């Protein structure tokens, strides 16, 4: 028997272990694991966005990329920018983009807290309550008037959704649509 078989198996286990550890570390760092959104939830999110949406749509914490790819297909005239901090889900998304490219999708590995939200027409997120609480003042300060915020499972405390649905799935998942109020013109 060749030594290549056991060596290859050990290498695969090492890669798997490093991948799992990277997810654990990024989850501890961010407070949110890269959890996929179910197809039913993704359909509900997309139903709240017009297909002719223009501008930049941010997917904060894109995980394995399911929502980002669906957004790119649903809103072909929009520029989709997906942020993911954990390298294994980000690499998976990059591989998927390489195999099934979407010209309007950009996958960024990085912390969305260091990104600007000023040009976003829409933000999509499935993040923990603590992260949503941290994001709420940034949304209020940076997003332009009329920008949309789509979230599922966890809402924005202190914000009133303009639309909300509760799905009939196992978890009765809530999906929220918020809109940033119009900005007052600057005083001169």
N, C-alpha and C. Protein backbone atom coordinates (compact mmCIF):
# COMPACT_ATOMS: atom_id res chain seq x y z
N UNK A 1 0.83 -1.18 0.00
CA UNK A 1 0.00 0.00 0.00
C UNK A 1 0.88 1.24 0.00
N UNK A 2 0.48 2.20 -0.77
CA UNK A 2 1.23 3.44 -0.91
C UNK A 2 0.99 4.35 0.29
N UNK A 3 2.00 5.15 0.61
CA UNK A 3 1.88 6.11 1.70
C UNK A 3 1.09 7.34 1.27
N UNK A 4 0.80 7.45 -0.03
CA UNK A 4 0.08 8.62 -0.55
C UNK A 4 -1.34 8.68 -0.02
N UNK A 5 -2.04 7.55 0.07
CA UNK A 5 -3.43 7.51 0.55
C UNK A 5 -3.58 8.09 1.95
N UNK A 6 -2.85 7.55 2.95
CA UNK A 6 -2.97 8.11 4.31
C UNK A 6 -2.50 9.57 4.39
N UNK A 7 -1.49 9.92 3.61
CA UNK A 7 -1.00 11.30 3.61
C UNK A 7 -2.06 12.26 3.08
N UNK A 8 -2.72 11.84 2.00
CA UNK A 8 -3.78 12.66 1.42
C UNK A 8 -4.95 12.79 2.39
N UNK A 9 -5.29 11.70 3.07
CA UNK A 9 -6.36 11.74 4.05
C UNK A 9 -6.02 12.68 5.21
N UNK A 10 -4.78 12.62 5.68
CA UNK A 10 -4.35 13.54 6.75
C UNK A 10 -4.41 14.99 6.28
N UNK A 11 -4.02 15.24 5.05
CA UNK A 11 -4.06 16.58 4.49
C UNK A 11 -5.50 17.09 4.41
N UNK A 12 -6.42 16.25 3.95
CA UNK A 12 -7.83 16.64 3.89
C UNK A 12 -8.39 16.95 5.27
N UNK A 13 -8.04 16.12 6.26
CA UNK A 13 -8.49 16.38 7.64
C UNK A 13 -7.90 17.69 8.16
N UNK A 14 -6.67 17.96 7.84
CA UNK A 14 -6.03 19.22 8.29
C UNK A 14 -6.72 20.42 7.66
N UNK A 15 -7.03 20.34 6.37
CA UNK A 15 -7.72 21.44 5.70
C UNK A 15 -9.11 21.63 6.31
N UNK A 16 -9.81 20.54 6.57
CA UNK A 16 -11.13 20.62 7.20
C UNK A 16 -11.04 21.25 8.59
N UNK A 17 -10.06 20.84 9.37
CA UNK A 17 -9.88 21.38 10.71
C UNK A 17 -9.57 22.87 10.66
N UNK A 18 -8.68 23.27 9.77
CA UNK A 18 -8.35 24.70 9.63
C UNK A 18 -9.59 25.49 9.21
N UNK A 19 -10.38 24.93 8.29
CA UNK A 19 -11.61 25.60 7.85
C UNK A 19 -12.59 25.78 8.99
N UNK A 20 -12.81 24.72 9.75
CA UNK A 20 -13.73 24.81 10.90
C UNK A 20 -13.21 25.80 11.93
N UNK A 21 -11.92 25.75 12.21
CA UNK A 21 -11.35 26.69 13.17
C UNK A 21 -11.47 28.14 12.69
N UNK A 22 -11.33 28.36 11.40
CA UNK A 22 -11.46 29.72 10.88
C UNK A 22 -12.89 30.24 11.07
N UNK A 23 -13.86 29.36 10.89
CA UNK A 23 -15.25 29.76 11.11
C UNK A 23 -15.50 30.06 12.58
N UNK A 24 -14.95 29.22 13.47
CA UNK A 24 -15.11 29.44 14.91
C UNK A 24 -14.46 30.77 15.31
N UNK A 25 -13.25 31.02 14.83
CA UNK A 25 -12.55 32.26 15.18
C UNK A 25 -13.31 33.48 14.68
N UNK A 26 -13.77 33.44 13.42
CA UNK A 26 -14.49 34.61 12.90
C UNK A 26 -15.84 34.77 13.60
N UNK A 27 -16.47 33.68 14.01
CA UNK A 27 -17.73 33.77 14.76
C UNK A 27 -17.49 34.41 16.11
N UNK A 28 -16.42 34.03 16.78
CA UNK A 28 -16.09 34.64 18.07
C UNK A 28 -15.75 36.12 17.89
N UNK A 29 -15.10 36.43 16.80
CA UNK A 29 -14.69 37.82 16.53
C UNK A 29 -15.89 38.71 16.19
N UNK A 30 -16.81 38.17 15.38
CA UNK A 30 -17.92 39.00 14.90
C UNK A 30 -19.22 38.82 15.69
N UNK A 31 -19.38 37.68 16.33
CA UNK A 31 -20.62 37.41 17.04
C UNK A 31 -21.69 36.81 16.15
N UNK A 32 -21.37 36.49 14.90
CA UNK A 32 -22.36 35.91 13.99
C UNK A 32 -21.70 34.84 13.12
N UNK A 33 -22.21 33.60 13.18
CA UNK A 33 -21.66 32.56 12.32
C UNK A 33 -22.16 32.72 10.89
N UNK A 34 -21.45 32.17 9.91
CA UNK A 34 -21.91 32.26 8.52
C UNK A 34 -23.05 31.26 8.28
N UNK A 35 -24.26 31.65 8.62
CA UNK A 35 -25.44 30.78 8.48
C UNK A 35 -26.14 31.07 7.16
N UNK A 36 -26.45 30.04 6.40
CA UNK A 36 -27.17 30.28 5.14
C UNK A 36 -28.64 30.62 5.40
N UNK A 37 -29.19 31.43 4.53
CA UNK A 37 -30.62 31.74 4.56
C UNK A 37 -31.34 30.69 3.72
N UNK A 38 -32.47 30.21 4.21
CA UNK A 38 -33.20 29.17 3.48
C UNK A 38 -33.75 29.72 2.17
N UNK A 39 -34.03 28.85 1.20
CA UNK A 39 -34.62 29.30 -0.06
C UNK A 39 -35.92 30.09 0.15
N UNK A 40 -36.74 29.67 1.10
CA UNK A 40 -38.00 30.38 1.36
C UNK A 40 -37.73 31.80 1.85
N UNK A 41 -36.76 31.96 2.73
CA UNK A 41 -36.40 33.28 3.23
C UNK A 41 -35.84 34.14 2.11
N UNK A 42 -34.98 33.55 1.27
CA UNK A 42 -34.41 34.31 0.15
C UNK A 42 -35.50 34.79 -0.80
N UNK A 43 -36.48 33.93 -1.07
CA UNK A 43 -37.59 34.35 -1.94
C UNK A 43 -38.37 35.51 -1.32
N UNK A 44 -38.58 35.46 -0.01
CA UNK A 44 -39.31 36.55 0.67
C UNK A 44 -38.51 37.86 0.63
N UNK A 45 -37.20 37.77 0.80
CA UNK A 45 -36.36 38.97 0.71
C UNK A 45 -36.45 39.58 -0.69
N UNK A 46 -36.29 38.74 -1.70
CA UNK A 46 -36.31 39.23 -3.08
C UNK A 46 -37.67 39.80 -3.47
N UNK A 47 -38.73 39.25 -2.90
CA UNK A 47 -40.07 39.75 -3.21
C UNK A 47 -40.27 41.20 -2.76
N UNK A 48 -39.42 41.65 -1.83
CA UNK A 48 -39.53 43.02 -1.33
C UNK A 48 -38.67 44.01 -2.11
N UNK A 49 -37.95 43.52 -3.12
CA UNK A 49 -37.09 44.39 -3.94
C UNK A 49 -37.58 44.39 -5.38
N UNK A 50 -37.64 45.58 -5.98
CA UNK A 50 -38.01 45.62 -7.40
C UNK A 50 -36.89 45.05 -8.27
N UNK A 51 -37.26 44.38 -9.33
CA UNK A 51 -36.26 43.81 -10.25
C UNK A 51 -35.46 44.89 -10.97
N UNK A 52 -36.05 46.08 -11.12
CA UNK A 52 -35.37 47.16 -11.83
C UNK A 52 -34.56 48.06 -10.90
N UNK A 53 -34.20 47.54 -9.74
CA UNK A 53 -33.43 48.32 -8.77
C UNK A 53 -32.07 48.69 -9.35
N UNK A 54 -31.69 49.93 -9.16
CA UNK A 54 -30.39 50.44 -9.59
C UNK A 54 -29.56 50.78 -8.35
N UNK A 55 -28.31 51.09 -8.58
CA UNK A 55 -27.45 51.51 -7.48
C UNK A 55 -26.74 50.32 -6.86
N UNK A 56 -26.19 50.57 -5.68
CA UNK A 56 -25.41 49.55 -4.98
C UNK A 56 -26.26 48.89 -3.91
N UNK A 57 -26.23 47.55 -3.90
CA UNK A 57 -26.89 46.75 -2.88
C UNK A 57 -25.79 46.06 -2.09
N UNK A 58 -25.77 46.28 -0.78
CA UNK A 58 -24.76 45.67 0.09
C UNK A 58 -25.35 44.44 0.78
N UNK A 59 -24.63 43.33 0.73
CA UNK A 59 -24.99 42.13 1.48
C UNK A 59 -23.96 42.03 2.61
N UNK A 60 -24.39 42.35 3.82
CA UNK A 60 -23.48 42.39 4.96
C UNK A 60 -23.44 41.03 5.64
N UNK A 61 -22.27 40.40 5.62
CA UNK A 61 -22.13 39.06 6.17
C UNK A 61 -22.71 38.05 5.21
N UNK A 62 -22.14 37.98 4.02
CA UNK A 62 -22.72 37.18 2.93
C UNK A 62 -22.56 35.67 3.11
N UNK A 63 -21.76 35.24 4.08
CA UNK A 63 -21.63 33.80 4.33
C UNK A 63 -21.23 33.04 3.08
N UNK A 64 -22.03 32.03 2.74
CA UNK A 64 -21.73 31.13 1.63
C UNK A 64 -22.20 31.69 0.29
N UNK A 65 -22.80 32.89 0.29
CA UNK A 65 -23.10 33.60 -0.95
C UNK A 65 -24.49 33.39 -1.53
N UNK A 66 -25.33 32.60 -0.89
CA UNK A 66 -26.64 32.32 -1.49
C UNK A 66 -27.47 33.58 -1.74
N UNK A 67 -27.56 34.45 -0.75
CA UNK A 67 -28.34 35.68 -0.92
C UNK A 67 -27.69 36.58 -1.97
N UNK A 68 -26.38 36.71 -1.93
CA UNK A 68 -25.67 37.58 -2.87
C UNK A 68 -25.91 37.14 -4.32
N UNK A 69 -25.83 35.85 -4.59
CA UNK A 69 -26.05 35.37 -5.95
C UNK A 69 -27.50 35.57 -6.37
N UNK A 70 -28.43 35.33 -5.45
CA UNK A 70 -29.84 35.56 -5.76
C UNK A 70 -30.11 37.05 -6.02
N UNK A 71 -29.48 37.93 -5.23
CA UNK A 71 -29.62 39.37 -5.47
C UNK A 71 -29.09 39.75 -6.85
N UNK A 72 -27.95 39.20 -7.21
CA UNK A 72 -27.35 39.52 -8.52
C UNK A 72 -28.28 39.09 -9.65
N UNK A 73 -28.93 37.95 -9.50
CA UNK A 73 -29.86 37.49 -10.53
C UNK A 73 -31.15 38.31 -10.53
N UNK A 74 -31.65 38.64 -9.35
CA UNK A 74 -32.93 39.35 -9.22
C UNK A 74 -32.83 40.82 -9.65
N UNK A 75 -31.71 41.44 -9.38
CA UNK A 75 -31.52 42.87 -9.67
C UNK A 75 -30.34 43.05 -10.63
N UNK A 76 -30.50 42.67 -11.90
CA UNK A 76 -29.36 42.68 -12.81
C UNK A 76 -28.80 44.07 -13.10
N UNK A 77 -29.57 45.13 -12.86
CA UNK A 77 -29.09 46.49 -13.11
C UNK A 77 -28.40 47.08 -11.89
N UNK A 78 -28.46 46.39 -10.77
CA UNK A 78 -27.82 46.88 -9.54
C UNK A 78 -26.42 46.29 -9.43
N UNK A 79 -25.59 46.96 -8.66
CA UNK A 79 -24.24 46.47 -8.34
C UNK A 79 -24.34 45.84 -6.95
N UNK A 80 -24.09 44.55 -6.85
CA UNK A 80 -24.18 43.83 -5.58
C UNK A 80 -22.77 43.71 -5.00
N UNK A 81 -22.60 44.18 -3.77
CA UNK A 81 -21.31 44.08 -3.08
C UNK A 81 -21.54 43.27 -1.81
N UNK A 82 -20.91 42.10 -1.74
CA UNK A 82 -21.11 41.18 -0.62
C UNK A 82 -19.85 41.13 0.24
N UNK A 83 -20.03 41.35 1.54
CA UNK A 83 -18.93 41.32 2.51
C UNK A 83 -19.00 40.05 3.34
N UNK A 84 -17.86 39.38 3.49
CA UNK A 84 -17.76 38.23 4.38
C UNK A 84 -16.37 38.25 5.01
N UNK A 85 -16.32 38.07 6.32
CA UNK A 85 -15.05 38.10 7.04
C UNK A 85 -14.41 36.72 7.14
N UNK A 86 -15.21 35.68 7.28
CA UNK A 86 -14.69 34.33 7.42
C UNK A 86 -14.15 33.83 6.08
N UNK A 87 -12.91 33.36 6.06
CA UNK A 87 -12.28 33.07 4.78
C UNK A 87 -12.85 31.83 4.08
N UNK A 88 -13.29 30.80 4.81
CA UNK A 88 -13.79 29.60 4.15
C UNK A 88 -15.09 29.87 3.38
N UNK A 89 -16.11 30.48 3.98
CA UNK A 89 -17.30 30.81 3.18
C UNK A 89 -16.99 31.79 2.05
N UNK A 90 -16.09 32.73 2.31
CA UNK A 90 -15.70 33.69 1.25
C UNK A 90 -15.04 32.96 0.09
N UNK A 91 -14.12 32.02 0.38
CA UNK A 91 -13.48 31.24 -0.69
C UNK A 91 -14.50 30.41 -1.46
N UNK A 92 -15.46 29.84 -0.74
CA UNK A 92 -16.51 29.08 -1.40
C UNK A 92 -17.29 29.97 -2.37
N UNK A 93 -17.63 31.18 -1.92
CA UNK A 93 -18.34 32.13 -2.77
C UNK A 93 -17.50 32.53 -3.98
N UNK A 94 -16.21 32.74 -3.76
CA UNK A 94 -15.32 33.09 -4.87
C UNK A 94 -15.25 31.96 -5.91
N UNK A 95 -15.17 30.73 -5.42
CA UNK A 95 -15.17 29.59 -6.34
C UNK A 95 -16.48 29.54 -7.12
N UNK A 96 -17.57 29.75 -6.43
CA UNK A 96 -18.88 29.77 -7.09
C UNK A 96 -18.94 30.89 -8.15
N UNK A 97 -18.38 32.05 -7.82
CA UNK A 97 -18.36 33.17 -8.77
C UNK A 97 -17.48 32.83 -9.98
N UNK A 98 -16.41 32.11 -9.75
CA UNK A 98 -15.52 31.71 -10.84
C UNK A 98 -16.22 30.71 -11.77
N UNK A 99 -16.97 29.78 -11.17
CA UNK A 99 -17.66 28.76 -11.96
C UNK A 99 -18.95 29.26 -12.61
N UNK A 100 -19.67 30.13 -11.89
CA UNK A 100 -20.96 30.65 -12.36
C UNK A 100 -20.96 32.17 -12.19
N UNK A 101 -20.20 32.88 -13.04
CA UNK A 101 -19.98 34.31 -12.83
C UNK A 101 -21.25 35.15 -12.93
N UNK A 102 -21.29 36.17 -12.10
CA UNK A 102 -22.32 37.21 -12.15
C UNK A 102 -21.57 38.52 -12.33
N UNK A 103 -21.80 39.18 -13.44
CA UNK A 103 -21.07 40.41 -13.76
C UNK A 103 -21.34 41.56 -12.81
N UNK A 104 -22.46 41.53 -12.12
CA UNK A 104 -22.83 42.63 -11.22
C UNK A 104 -22.56 42.30 -9.76
N UNK A 105 -21.79 41.24 -9.49
CA UNK A 105 -21.52 40.80 -8.12
C UNK A 105 -20.04 40.94 -7.79
N UNK A 106 -19.76 41.63 -6.69
CA UNK A 106 -18.40 41.75 -6.16
C UNK A 106 -18.37 41.12 -4.78
N UNK A 107 -17.45 40.19 -4.56
CA UNK A 107 -17.32 39.49 -3.28
C UNK A 107 -16.07 40.02 -2.58
N UNK A 108 -16.26 40.63 -1.43
CA UNK A 108 -15.15 41.20 -0.68
C UNK A 108 -14.96 40.45 0.62
N UNK A 109 -13.71 40.09 0.90
CA UNK A 109 -13.40 39.50 2.20
C UNK A 109 -12.96 40.66 3.09
N UNK A 110 -13.77 40.95 4.07
CA UNK A 110 -13.44 42.05 4.96
C UNK A 110 -14.57 42.35 5.92
N UNK A 111 -14.27 43.26 6.82
CA UNK A 111 -15.20 43.68 7.87
C UNK A 111 -16.07 44.81 7.35
N UNK A 112 -17.36 44.58 7.25
CA UNK A 112 -18.25 45.62 6.71
C UNK A 112 -18.34 46.83 7.62
N UNK A 113 -17.90 46.72 8.86
CA UNK A 113 -17.89 47.89 9.75
C UNK A 113 -16.88 48.94 9.28
N UNK A 114 -15.92 48.52 8.46
CA UNK A 114 -14.96 49.49 7.93
C UNK A 114 -15.39 50.03 6.56
N UNK A 115 -16.52 49.58 6.06
CA UNK A 115 -17.02 50.03 4.75
C UNK A 115 -17.93 51.25 4.92
N UNK A 116 -18.04 52.01 3.86
CA UNK A 116 -18.97 53.14 3.83
C UNK A 116 -20.32 52.65 3.31
N UNK A 117 -21.40 53.16 3.89
CA UNK A 117 -22.75 52.83 3.43
C UNK A 117 -23.36 53.99 2.65
N UNK A 118 -22.62 55.05 2.43
CA UNK A 118 -23.16 56.30 1.87
C UNK A 118 -23.75 56.16 0.47
N UNK A 119 -23.26 55.25 -0.33
CA UNK A 119 -23.73 55.11 -1.71
C UNK A 119 -24.74 53.98 -1.88
N UNK A 120 -25.10 53.30 -0.81
CA UNK A 120 -25.96 52.12 -0.93
C UNK A 120 -27.43 52.51 -1.15
N UNK A 121 -28.04 51.85 -2.11
CA UNK A 121 -29.48 52.00 -2.33
C UNK A 121 -30.24 51.01 -1.44
N UNK A 122 -29.55 49.94 -1.06
CA UNK A 122 -30.18 48.89 -0.25
C UNK A 122 -29.10 48.14 0.52
N UNK A 123 -29.45 47.70 1.73
CA UNK A 123 -28.58 46.85 2.54
C UNK A 123 -29.39 45.62 2.92
N UNK A 124 -28.78 44.44 2.76
CA UNK A 124 -29.43 43.19 3.12
C UNK A 124 -28.58 42.54 4.21
N UNK A 125 -29.25 42.07 5.28
CA UNK A 125 -28.48 41.47 6.36
C UNK A 125 -29.27 40.41 7.13
N UNK A 126 -28.54 39.42 7.59
CA UNK A 126 -29.04 38.38 8.50
C UNK A 126 -27.97 38.30 9.57
N UNK A 127 -28.10 39.17 10.57
CA UNK A 127 -27.07 39.33 11.58
C UNK A 127 -27.69 39.26 12.97
N UNK A 128 -26.86 39.03 13.97
CA UNK A 128 -27.34 38.89 15.34
C UNK A 128 -27.91 40.21 15.86
N UNK A 129 -28.73 40.14 16.91
CA UNK A 129 -29.29 41.38 17.48
C UNK A 129 -28.22 42.39 17.91
N UNK A 130 -27.12 41.91 18.47
CA UNK A 130 -26.05 42.82 18.89
C UNK A 130 -25.43 43.57 17.71
N UNK A 131 -25.22 42.88 16.62
CA UNK A 131 -24.65 43.53 15.44
C UNK A 131 -25.66 44.48 14.83
N UNK A 132 -26.93 44.09 14.79
CA UNK A 132 -27.97 44.98 14.26
C UNK A 132 -28.04 46.26 15.10
N UNK A 133 -27.90 46.13 16.41
CA UNK A 133 -27.91 47.31 17.29
C UNK A 133 -26.73 48.22 16.97
N UNK A 134 -25.57 47.64 16.71
CA UNK A 134 -24.39 48.44 16.34
C UNK A 134 -24.56 49.12 14.99
N UNK A 135 -25.26 48.46 14.07
CA UNK A 135 -25.43 49.00 12.72
C UNK A 135 -26.49 50.10 12.64
N UNK A 136 -27.51 50.06 13.49
CA UNK A 136 -28.63 51.00 13.40
C UNK A 136 -28.19 52.46 13.32
N UNK A 137 -27.29 52.95 14.19
CA UNK A 137 -26.87 54.35 14.07
C UNK A 137 -26.07 54.63 12.79
N UNK A 138 -25.31 53.65 12.32
CA UNK A 138 -24.58 53.82 11.05
C UNK A 138 -25.56 53.94 9.89
N UNK A 139 -26.60 53.10 9.89
CA UNK A 139 -27.62 53.18 8.84
C UNK A 139 -28.26 54.56 8.85
N UNK A 140 -28.64 55.03 10.04
CA UNK A 140 -29.32 56.33 10.16
C UNK A 140 -28.42 57.47 9.71
N UNK A 141 -27.13 57.38 10.00
CA UNK A 141 -26.21 58.47 9.69
C UNK A 141 -25.70 58.44 8.25
N UNK A 142 -25.51 57.25 7.69
CA UNK A 142 -24.81 57.14 6.41
C UNK A 142 -25.70 56.84 5.21
N UNK A 143 -26.73 56.03 5.38
CA UNK A 143 -27.53 55.65 4.22
C UNK A 143 -28.30 56.85 3.69
N UNK A 144 -28.40 57.00 2.38
CA UNK A 144 -29.17 58.12 1.82
C UNK A 144 -30.67 57.93 2.08
N UNK A 145 -31.40 59.03 2.10
CA UNK A 145 -32.84 58.96 2.26
C UNK A 145 -33.45 58.08 1.19
N UNK A 146 -34.39 57.25 1.57
CA UNK A 146 -35.04 56.34 0.64
C UNK A 146 -34.34 54.99 0.50
N UNK A 147 -33.14 54.86 1.05
CA UNK A 147 -32.44 53.57 0.98
C UNK A 147 -33.24 52.52 1.74
N UNK A 148 -33.15 51.30 1.28
CA UNK A 148 -33.88 50.20 1.90
C UNK A 148 -32.93 49.34 2.72
N UNK A 149 -33.48 48.78 3.78
CA UNK A 149 -32.75 47.82 4.61
C UNK A 149 -33.64 46.59 4.71
N UNK A 150 -33.11 45.47 4.27
CA UNK A 150 -33.83 44.20 4.35
C UNK A 150 -33.13 43.32 5.37
N UNK A 151 -33.90 42.79 6.29
CA UNK A 151 -33.33 41.92 7.31
C UNK A 151 -34.29 40.78 7.58
N UNK A 152 -33.74 39.66 7.95
CA UNK A 152 -34.64 38.59 8.41
C UNK A 152 -34.17 38.05 9.74
N UNK A 153 -35.11 37.51 10.47
CA UNK A 153 -34.95 36.92 11.78
C UNK A 153 -34.75 37.98 12.86
N UNK A 154 -33.83 38.93 12.65
CA UNK A 154 -33.56 39.96 13.65
C UNK A 154 -33.84 41.34 13.06
N UNK A 155 -34.65 42.11 13.76
CA UNK A 155 -35.02 43.44 13.29
C UNK A 155 -34.07 44.51 13.80
N UNK A 156 -34.37 45.74 13.42
CA UNK A 156 -33.60 46.91 13.87
C UNK A 156 -34.35 47.55 15.02
N UNK A 157 -33.82 47.43 16.20
CA UNK A 157 -34.46 48.01 17.38
C UNK A 157 -34.55 49.52 17.23
N UNK A 158 -35.75 50.05 17.49
CA UNK A 158 -35.97 51.49 17.38
C UNK A 158 -36.41 51.93 15.99
N UNK A 159 -36.43 51.04 15.04
CA UNK A 159 -36.89 51.34 13.68
C UNK A 159 -38.24 50.65 13.46
N UNK A 160 -39.08 51.28 12.67
CA UNK A 160 -40.38 50.69 12.32
C UNK A 160 -40.32 50.21 10.88
N UNK A 161 -40.55 48.92 10.66
CA UNK A 161 -40.51 48.44 9.27
C UNK A 161 -41.68 49.02 8.46
N UNK A 162 -41.42 49.30 7.19
CA UNK A 162 -42.49 49.73 6.29
C UNK A 162 -43.27 48.53 5.79
N UNK A 163 -42.64 47.37 5.90
CA UNK A 163 -43.30 46.13 5.52
C UNK A 163 -42.65 45.00 6.28
N UNK A 164 -43.45 44.04 6.67
CA UNK A 164 -42.93 42.86 7.35
C UNK A 164 -43.81 41.67 7.05
N UNK A 165 -43.21 40.53 6.95
CA UNK A 165 -43.96 39.29 6.76
C UNK A 165 -43.40 38.26 7.74
N UNK A 166 -44.26 37.35 8.12
CA UNK A 166 -43.84 36.21 8.94
C UNK A 166 -44.09 34.97 8.09
N UNK A 167 -43.02 34.26 7.80
CA UNK A 167 -43.12 33.11 6.93
C UNK A 167 -43.80 31.94 7.64
N UNK A 168 -44.27 31.00 6.87
CA UNK A 168 -44.93 29.82 7.44
C UNK A 168 -43.96 28.65 7.52
N UNK A 169 -42.67 28.97 7.67
CA UNK A 169 -41.67 27.91 7.80
C UNK A 169 -41.63 27.40 9.24
N UNK A 170 -40.76 26.49 9.52
CA UNK A 170 -40.63 25.88 10.84
C UNK A 170 -40.40 26.93 11.94
N UNK A 171 -39.62 27.96 11.62
CA UNK A 171 -39.26 28.97 12.63
C UNK A 171 -40.16 30.19 12.61
N UNK A 172 -41.14 30.21 11.67
CA UNK A 172 -42.00 31.38 11.50
C UNK A 172 -41.12 32.63 11.37
N UNK A 173 -40.16 32.55 10.46
CA UNK A 173 -39.14 33.57 10.27
C UNK A 173 -39.75 34.91 9.89
N UNK A 174 -39.41 35.97 10.63
CA UNK A 174 -39.85 37.30 10.22
C UNK A 174 -38.87 37.90 9.21
N UNK A 175 -39.42 38.62 8.23
CA UNK A 175 -38.62 39.33 7.24
C UNK A 175 -39.08 40.78 7.29
N UNK A 176 -38.13 41.69 7.41
CA UNK A 176 -38.43 43.11 7.60
C UNK A 176 -37.86 43.95 6.45
N UNK A 177 -38.64 44.94 6.03
CA UNK A 177 -38.18 45.95 5.09
C UNK A 177 -38.29 47.30 5.78
N UNK A 178 -37.16 47.99 5.85
CA UNK A 178 -37.10 49.35 6.42
C UNK A 178 -36.71 50.31 5.31
N UNK A 179 -37.11 51.56 5.46
CA UNK A 179 -36.65 52.61 4.55
C UNK A 179 -36.11 53.76 5.38
N UNK A 180 -34.98 54.29 4.91
CA UNK A 180 -34.38 55.44 5.58
C UNK A 180 -35.23 56.67 5.22
N UNK A 181 -35.63 57.44 6.22
CA UNK A 181 -36.45 58.64 5.93
C UNK A 181 -35.69 59.61 5.03
N UNK A 182 -36.45 60.41 4.26
CA UNK A 182 -35.78 61.41 3.41
C UNK A 182 -34.94 62.36 4.25
N UNK A 183 -33.83 62.77 3.70
CA UNK A 183 -32.94 63.71 4.38
C UNK A 183 -33.42 65.13 4.18
N UNK A 184 -33.33 65.93 5.22
CA UNK A 184 -33.66 67.35 5.10
C UNK A 184 -32.56 68.05 4.32
N UNK A 185 -32.91 68.99 3.46
CA UNK A 185 -31.85 69.70 2.73
C UNK A 185 -30.98 70.49 3.70
N UNK A 186 -29.69 70.62 3.38
CA UNK A 186 -28.80 71.36 4.28
C UNK A 186 -29.20 72.84 4.36
N UNK A 187 -29.06 73.42 5.55
CA UNK A 187 -29.37 74.84 5.75
C UNK A 187 -28.18 75.68 5.34
N UNK A 188 -28.48 76.79 4.70
CA UNK A 188 -27.38 77.70 4.29
C UNK A 188 -27.51 79.01 4.98
